[in-house]
Amino acid sequence: MFALKKAIAVLAATSCLTACVTPYAGNDGMYALPIGDAPVTANPTAYSDALDCLAVHARNNNIAAPRIAVGRILDYTGSVSEEGGRRITQGASLMAMSAFNKAGARLVERFDTSVTELELRYANNRLIGQEGGDENVRRIYAGQMPGSDYYFVGGITELNYNIRSMGVDAQGGHTDARDGVGNIGGRLYVMNIALDFRLIDTRTLEVVDVISYQKQIIGRELRAGVFSFFDDTLIDIAVGERALEPVQLAVRAGVERSVVQVMSRMYNVADSSVCSTELQAEGDPMGPEQSATIQPSPATLAAEQSRASTDAWNVRRDDNITTGLRGRS
């Protein structure tokens, strides 16, 4: 009899859990309503404000923005998840387009031209109509599409797991387990990604800028539990939390940081007076390299050497830099 009551109780609990799901579709055509009501929000990084600031700086100073084309930015890490998909986003090119748009660059499409090519083919065969004019077909004119000044390509080149990790576990209680036993533990681990980009002059195919950045990503795990007896009752409770900094958001941050680098040089931002507040507010110790022009020159080579130095423009290691775009005050 007792076993029957237990079975009925379990069946009733199961029915309560599945009360919102039935094998029959409702009048709205759905079996169940999805959970979650978080609204769609913007997706900024620590460098989005700096990109917006550069765009404002260019407009206020009547600086002509270059035409930029974004090519394929691929994942070269080859990392695959256990489920078979890629661990790293394949949409870095789209992230770069969004970043250049924030910085005020004039974008020309070179990433997916399939529709344009098809339309040109149809128009060339006089298959596409248009309103007005002597002819009702779309006409193709020489030079109707603007060209790019530079194009931006590269890839995600590193994904390093568990650069360093640490953890602690503790357990304690009375020698008699019936008096209770507790445990607590935590773990931290660090990984990183790296990105390498090139800015290329479209007319000459000369590489005018090379950028390489890495970003570390941190994860944590916390857990605690208690195990005890109370008369003939057993209590076993465990709680925990796991959190990992979003890997794909780190990719976006690396892309936007690189675009800050590119566009600051396009706009001839050669000192720390421009957009310093935006970068410092986000805690970034590095800013655009100093360069008077975008063309290869001794100044450019000096900037490349400065970029390669771990001490340059880092307030933690360079005592000569105390304020400005690339350091913290």
Protein backbone atom coordinates (compact mmCIF):
# COMPACT_ATOMS: atom_id res chain seq x y z
CA MET A 1 0.00 0.00 0.00
CA PHE A 2 2.85 2.35 0.90
CA ALA A 3 4.60 1.59 -2.38
CA LEU A 4 1.39 2.40 -4.27
CA LYS A 5 1.10 5.76 -2.54
CA LYS A 6 4.69 6.58 -3.43
CA ALA A 7 4.05 5.70 -7.05
CA ILE A 8 0.94 7.90 -7.13
CA ALA A 9 2.87 10.79 -5.56
CA VAL A 10 5.67 10.49 -8.14
CA LEU A 11 3.11 10.33 -10.96
CA ALA A 12 1.34 13.43 -9.64
CA ALA A 13 4.61 15.36 -9.38
CA THR A 14 5.53 14.36 -12.91
CA SER A 15 2.13 15.50 -14.17
CA CYS A 16 2.66 18.90 -12.54
CA LEU A 17 6.05 19.28 -14.23
CA THR A 18 4.59 18.44 -17.65
CA ALA A 19 1.36 20.40 -17.24
CA CYS A 20 2.58 23.06 -19.67
CA VAL A 21 3.54 20.54 -22.37
CA THR A 22 1.06 18.33 -24.20
CA PRO A 23 1.33 16.19 -27.32
CA TYR A 24 -1.46 18.24 -28.89
CA ALA A 25 -0.95 21.66 -30.45
CA GLY A 26 -3.09 24.48 -29.11
CA ASN A 27 -5.18 26.95 -31.07
CA ASP A 28 -2.04 29.05 -31.60
CA GLY A 29 -0.32 26.13 -33.32
CA MET A 30 2.29 25.56 -30.60
CA TYR A 31 2.86 22.77 -28.10
CA ALA A 32 4.46 25.05 -25.53
CA LEU A 33 5.52 28.65 -25.02
CA PRO A 34 9.28 29.27 -24.95
CA ILE A 35 10.80 30.56 -21.74
CA GLY A 36 12.85 33.72 -21.40
CA ASP A 37 11.88 37.34 -21.90
CA ALA A 38 15.21 39.16 -22.15
CA PRO A 39 14.98 41.96 -24.74
CA VAL A 40 17.37 42.39 -27.63
CA THR A 41 20.13 44.80 -26.60
CA ALA A 42 23.18 46.42 -28.15
CA ASN A 43 26.41 44.42 -28.20
CA PRO A 44 29.25 46.87 -27.45
CA THR A 45 32.78 46.13 -26.30
CA ALA A 46 35.23 48.21 -24.31
CA TYR A 47 36.30 49.86 -27.58
CA SER A 48 32.94 50.82 -29.05
CA ASP A 49 33.00 54.26 -27.41
CA ALA A 50 36.46 54.92 -28.85
CA LEU A 51 35.22 53.97 -32.34
CA ASP A 52 32.26 56.33 -32.01
CA CYS A 53 34.61 59.04 -30.76
CA LEU A 54 36.88 58.65 -33.80
CA ALA A 55 33.88 59.04 -36.10
CA VAL A 56 32.85 62.26 -34.33
CA HIS A 57 36.45 63.52 -34.48
CA ALA A 58 36.56 62.95 -38.25
CA ARG A 59 33.24 64.71 -38.84
CA ASN A 60 34.12 67.69 -36.66
CA ASN A 61 37.44 68.17 -38.45
CA ASN A 62 36.14 67.49 -41.97
CA ILE A 63 38.45 64.51 -42.38
CA ALA A 64 37.49 62.41 -45.39
CA ALA A 65 36.94 58.83 -44.35
CA PRO A 66 38.57 56.20 -46.60
CA ARG A 67 36.62 53.55 -48.44
CA ILE A 68 37.25 50.23 -46.74
CA ALA A 69 36.47 46.74 -47.97
CA VAL A 70 36.52 43.86 -45.50
CA GLY A 71 37.68 40.52 -46.82
CA ARG A 72 37.53 37.11 -45.22
CA ILE A 73 38.69 36.91 -41.63
CA LEU A 74 38.94 33.20 -41.00
CA ASP A 75 39.44 30.96 -38.01
CA TYR A 76 42.87 29.40 -38.40
CA THR A 77 42.94 27.69 -35.01
CA GLY A 78 41.17 24.57 -36.28
CA SER A 79 39.62 24.07 -32.85
CA VAL A 80 36.48 21.92 -32.90
CA SER A 81 34.05 21.34 -30.05
CA GLU A 82 32.97 17.92 -28.85
CA GLU A 83 29.66 18.38 -30.66
CA GLY A 84 31.51 18.86 -33.94
CA GLY A 85 31.10 22.61 -34.43
CA ARG A 86 33.80 25.25 -34.41
CA ARG A 87 34.71 26.73 -31.05
CA ILE A 88 35.57 30.11 -32.57
CA THR A 89 33.10 32.28 -34.44
CA GLN A 90 33.22 32.25 -38.22
CA GLY A 91 31.71 35.74 -38.35
CA ALA A 92 34.75 37.90 -37.58
CA SER A 93 34.41 39.61 -40.98
CA LEU A 94 30.94 40.80 -40.04
CA MET A 95 32.28 42.06 -36.71
CA ALA A 96 34.94 44.06 -38.57
CA MET A 97 32.32 45.63 -40.84
CA SER A 98 30.31 46.75 -37.82
CA ALA A 99 33.45 48.16 -36.20
CA PHE A 100 34.50 50.16 -39.28
CA ASN A 101 30.97 51.53 -39.56
CA LYS A 102 31.13 52.72 -35.93
CA ALA A 103 34.39 54.50 -36.73
CA GLY A 104 32.81 56.36 -39.66
CA ALA A 105 34.55 54.54 -42.51
CA ARG A 106 32.82 54.31 -45.87
CA LEU A 107 32.27 50.62 -46.51
CA VAL A 108 32.10 49.00 -49.91
CA GLU A 109 30.83 45.45 -50.18
CA ARG A 110 33.34 42.84 -51.26
CA PHE A 111 32.49 40.04 -48.86
CA ASP A 112 29.31 38.75 -50.49
CA THR A 113 28.78 40.04 -54.02
CA SER A 114 26.67 37.13 -55.25
CA VAL A 115 23.46 39.18 -55.53
CA THR A 116 25.24 42.08 -57.24
CA GLU A 117 26.92 39.79 -59.75
CA LEU A 118 23.59 38.13 -60.56
CA GLU A 119 21.83 41.48 -60.95
CA LEU A 120 24.59 42.74 -63.25
CA ARG A 121 24.28 39.61 -65.32
CA TYR A 122 20.51 40.01 -65.59
CA ALA A 123 20.85 43.73 -66.37
CA ASN A 124 23.46 42.98 -69.04
CA ASN A 125 20.94 40.60 -70.63
CA ARG A 126 18.25 43.33 -70.39
CA LEU A 127 16.13 41.25 -68.04
CA ILE A 128 15.75 43.78 -65.20
CA GLY A 129 13.27 46.61 -65.64
CA GLN A 130 13.20 50.05 -64.10
CA GLU A 131 10.68 52.87 -63.86
CA GLY A 132 10.92 55.98 -66.00
CA GLY A 133 13.28 56.85 -68.79
CA ASP A 134 13.17 56.08 -72.47
CA GLU A 135 13.79 52.42 -71.83
CA ASN A 136 12.20 50.29 -69.16
CA VAL A 137 15.33 48.21 -68.59
CA ARG A 138 18.13 48.85 -66.14
CA ARG A 139 21.23 50.20 -67.81
CA ILE A 140 24.82 49.54 -66.80
CA TYR A 141 27.19 52.53 -66.75
CA ALA A 142 30.94 52.48 -66.65
CA GLY A 143 32.28 53.48 -63.26
CA GLN A 144 28.96 53.27 -61.46
CA MET A 145 30.43 51.40 -58.48
CA PRO A 146 33.01 53.10 -56.24
CA GLY A 147 36.22 51.26 -55.52
CA SER A 148 37.90 50.69 -52.19
CA ASP A 149 41.00 52.50 -50.99
CA TYR A 150 42.08 49.77 -48.60
CA TYR A 151 40.91 46.32 -47.64
CA PHE A 152 41.14 44.61 -44.29
CA VAL A 153 41.84 40.88 -43.96
CA GLY A 154 43.34 38.49 -41.44
CA GLY A 155 42.36 35.72 -39.13
CA ILE A 156 42.03 34.30 -35.65
CA THR A 157 45.36 32.56 -35.17
CA GLU A 158 45.52 31.32 -31.58
CA LEU A 159 43.25 29.65 -29.07
CA ASN A 160 45.19 28.51 -26.02
CA TYR A 161 43.38 26.65 -23.28
CA ASN A 162 44.32 26.65 -19.64
CA ILE A 163 47.30 28.98 -19.77
CA ARG A 164 47.19 28.83 -16.00
CA SER A 165 44.69 27.54 -13.49
CA MET A 166 44.41 27.26 -9.75
CA GLY A 167 41.92 25.76 -7.36
CA VAL A 168 41.23 24.89 -3.78
CA ASP A 169 39.02 22.25 -2.18
CA ALA A 170 38.28 21.90 1.51
CA GLN A 171 36.16 19.41 3.40
CA GLY A 172 35.49 19.20 7.09
CA GLY A 173 33.16 17.77 9.67
CA HIS A 174 32.84 15.53 12.69
CA THR A 175 34.47 12.14 12.69
CA ASP A 176 30.96 10.75 12.90
CA ALA A 177 29.40 11.41 9.50
CA ARG A 178 25.98 11.56 11.12
CA ASP A 179 27.00 14.87 12.67
CA GLY A 180 27.45 16.43 9.27
CA VAL A 181 30.17 16.99 6.69
CA GLY A 182 30.70 20.14 4.61
CA ASN A 183 32.85 20.99 1.61
CA ILE A 184 33.75 24.10 -0.32
CA GLY A 185 35.88 24.65 -3.39
CA GLY A 186 36.79 27.08 -6.12
CA ARG A 187 38.79 27.22 -9.32
CA LEU A 188 40.13 29.90 -11.65
CA TYR A 189 41.50 29.29 -15.12
CA VAL A 190 42.82 31.48 -17.90
CA MET A 191 42.84 31.01 -21.68
CA ASN A 192 43.50 33.39 -24.55
CA ILE A 193 42.88 34.12 -28.21
CA ALA A 194 45.06 35.98 -30.71
CA LEU A 195 44.22 37.79 -33.92
CA ASP A 196 46.39 38.95 -36.82
CA PHE A 197 45.22 41.48 -39.41
CA ARG A 198 46.56 43.27 -42.47
CA LEU A 199 45.52 46.54 -44.06
CA ILE A 200 46.30 46.49 -47.78
CA ASP A 201 46.30 49.26 -50.37
CA THR A 202 43.81 48.09 -52.98
CA ARG A 203 45.56 49.75 -55.90
CA THR A 204 49.10 48.57 -55.21
CA LEU A 205 48.51 45.53 -52.95
CA GLU A 206 51.06 47.04 -50.60
CA VAL A 207 50.58 46.00 -46.98
CA VAL A 208 50.47 49.32 -45.15
CA ASP A 209 49.68 48.07 -41.68
CA VAL A 210 49.98 44.80 -39.77
CA ILE A 211 48.26 44.35 -36.44
CA SER A 212 48.53 41.51 -33.96
CA TYR A 213 46.69 41.40 -30.64
CA GLN A 214 45.83 38.84 -28.02
CA LYS A 215 43.25 38.85 -25.25
CA GLN A 216 43.16 36.68 -22.17
CA ILE A 217 39.87 35.18 -21.01
CA ILE A 218 39.12 34.15 -17.46
CA GLY A 219 36.74 31.57 -16.07
CA ARG A 220 35.77 30.63 -12.54
CA GLU A 221 33.98 27.86 -10.69
CA LEU A 222 32.62 27.97 -7.14
CA ARG A 223 30.90 25.18 -5.24
CA ALA A 224 29.84 24.31 -1.71
CA GLY A 225 27.86 21.50 -0.13
CA VAL A 226 26.74 19.87 3.08
CA PHE A 227 25.91 16.27 3.92
CA SER A 228 24.22 15.33 7.18
CA PHE A 229 21.76 13.05 8.95
CA PHE A 230 18.83 14.26 11.02
CA ASP A 231 17.32 11.29 12.84
CA ASP A 232 16.24 9.04 9.99
CA THR A 233 16.46 11.83 7.38
CA LEU A 234 19.40 12.29 5.01
CA ILE A 235 20.27 15.82 3.83
CA ASP A 236 22.62 16.35 0.89
CA ILE A 237 22.73 19.91 -0.47
CA ALA A 238 25.15 21.32 -3.03
CA VAL A 239 25.32 24.71 -4.73
CA GLY A 240 27.72 26.08 -7.26
CA GLU A 241 28.41 28.59 -9.99
CA ARG A 242 30.39 28.51 -13.19
CA ALA A 243 31.21 31.52 -15.35
CA LEU A 244 33.40 31.98 -18.41
CA GLU A 245 34.09 35.28 -20.10
CA PRO A 246 32.44 35.00 -23.54
CA VAL A 247 35.00 33.79 -26.06
CA GLN A 248 33.19 35.20 -29.08
CA LEU A 249 32.83 38.58 -27.38
CA ALA A 250 36.60 38.51 -26.83
CA VAL A 251 37.00 38.04 -30.58
CA ARG A 252 34.76 41.04 -31.21
CA ALA A 253 36.78 43.09 -28.71
CA GLY A 254 40.00 42.14 -30.50
CA VAL A 255 38.53 43.11 -33.84
CA GLU A 256 37.28 46.46 -32.54
CA ARG A 257 40.62 47.16 -30.86
CA SER A 258 42.35 46.57 -34.20
CA VAL A 259 39.93 48.87 -36.02
CA VAL A 260 40.65 51.59 -33.44
CA GLN A 261 44.28 51.15 -34.40
CA VAL A 262 43.60 51.36 -38.14
CA MET A 263 41.16 54.26 -38.13
CA SER A 264 43.18 56.40 -35.73
CA ARG A 265 46.02 56.31 -38.23
CA MET A 266 43.63 57.01 -41.12
CA TYR A 267 42.42 60.09 -39.26
CA ASN A 268 46.00 61.13 -38.36
CA VAL A 269 45.39 60.86 -34.64
CA ALA A 270 48.99 61.35 -33.59
CA ASP A 271 48.67 62.24 -29.92
CA SER A 272 46.77 61.28 -26.81
CA SER A 273 44.34 64.22 -26.84
CA VAL A 274 41.73 62.45 -28.97
CA CYS A 275 39.36 59.92 -27.45
CA SER A 276 41.52 59.44 -24.36
CA THR A 277 38.50 59.62 -22.08
CA GLU A 278 36.71 56.83 -23.91
CA LEU A 279 39.61 54.41 -23.72
CA GLN A 280 40.60 55.28 -20.18
CA ALA A 281 37.02 54.86 -18.98
CA GLU A 282 37.12 51.28 -20.17
CA GLY A 283 40.48 50.64 -18.51
CA ASP A 284 42.52 50.05 -21.66
CA PRO A 285 46.21 50.91 -21.14
CA MET A 286 46.94 50.97 -24.87
CA GLY A 287 45.86 53.35 -27.61
CA PRO A 288 46.58 54.04 -31.25
CA GLU A 289 50.17 54.10 -32.39
CA GLN A 290 51.64 57.44 -33.36
CA SER A 291 51.91 57.85 -37.09
CA ALA A 292 51.56 60.96 -39.20
CA THR A 293 50.55 59.20 -42.40
CA ILE A 294 49.25 55.88 -43.58
CA GLN A 295 52.00 55.43 -46.15
CA PRO A 296 55.04 53.30 -45.25
CA SER A 297 57.76 55.57 -43.92
CA PRO A 298 60.41 55.67 -41.22
CA ALA A 299 57.71 56.90 -38.86
CA THR A 300 55.64 53.83 -39.70
CA LEU A 301 58.59 51.54 -39.08
CA ALA A 302 59.20 53.25 -35.76
CA ALA A 303 55.54 52.74 -34.88
CA GLU A 304 55.82 49.06 -35.69
CA GLN A 305 58.85 48.74 -33.42
CA SER A 306 56.98 50.60 -30.69
CA ARG A 307 54.03 48.27 -31.07
CA ALA A 308 56.28 45.24 -30.70
CA SER A 309 57.65 46.50 -27.38
CA THR A 310 55.80 45.25 -24.33
CA ASP A 311 56.78 48.40 -22.43
CA ALA A 312 55.63 50.97 -24.97
CA TRP A 313 52.46 52.84 -24.08
CA ASN A 314 51.77 50.75 -21.02
CA VAL A 315 51.44 52.78 -17.86
CA ARG A 316 52.27 49.77 -15.70
CA ARG A 317 55.74 49.43 -17.20
CA ASP A 318 56.56 52.75 -18.83
CA ASP A 319 57.28 55.40 -16.22
CA ASN A 320 57.38 58.12 -18.87
CA ILE A 321 53.72 57.66 -19.70
CA THR A 322 51.34 58.80 -16.97
CA THR A 323 48.30 60.04 -18.84
CA GLY A 324 46.79 59.97 -22.28
CA LEU A 325 45.15 57.70 -24.76
CA ARG A 326 47.43 54.76 -24.15
CA GLY A 327 47.85 54.92 -20.41
CA ARG A 328 45.96 55.29 -17.20
CA SER A 329 46.34 58.37 -15.05
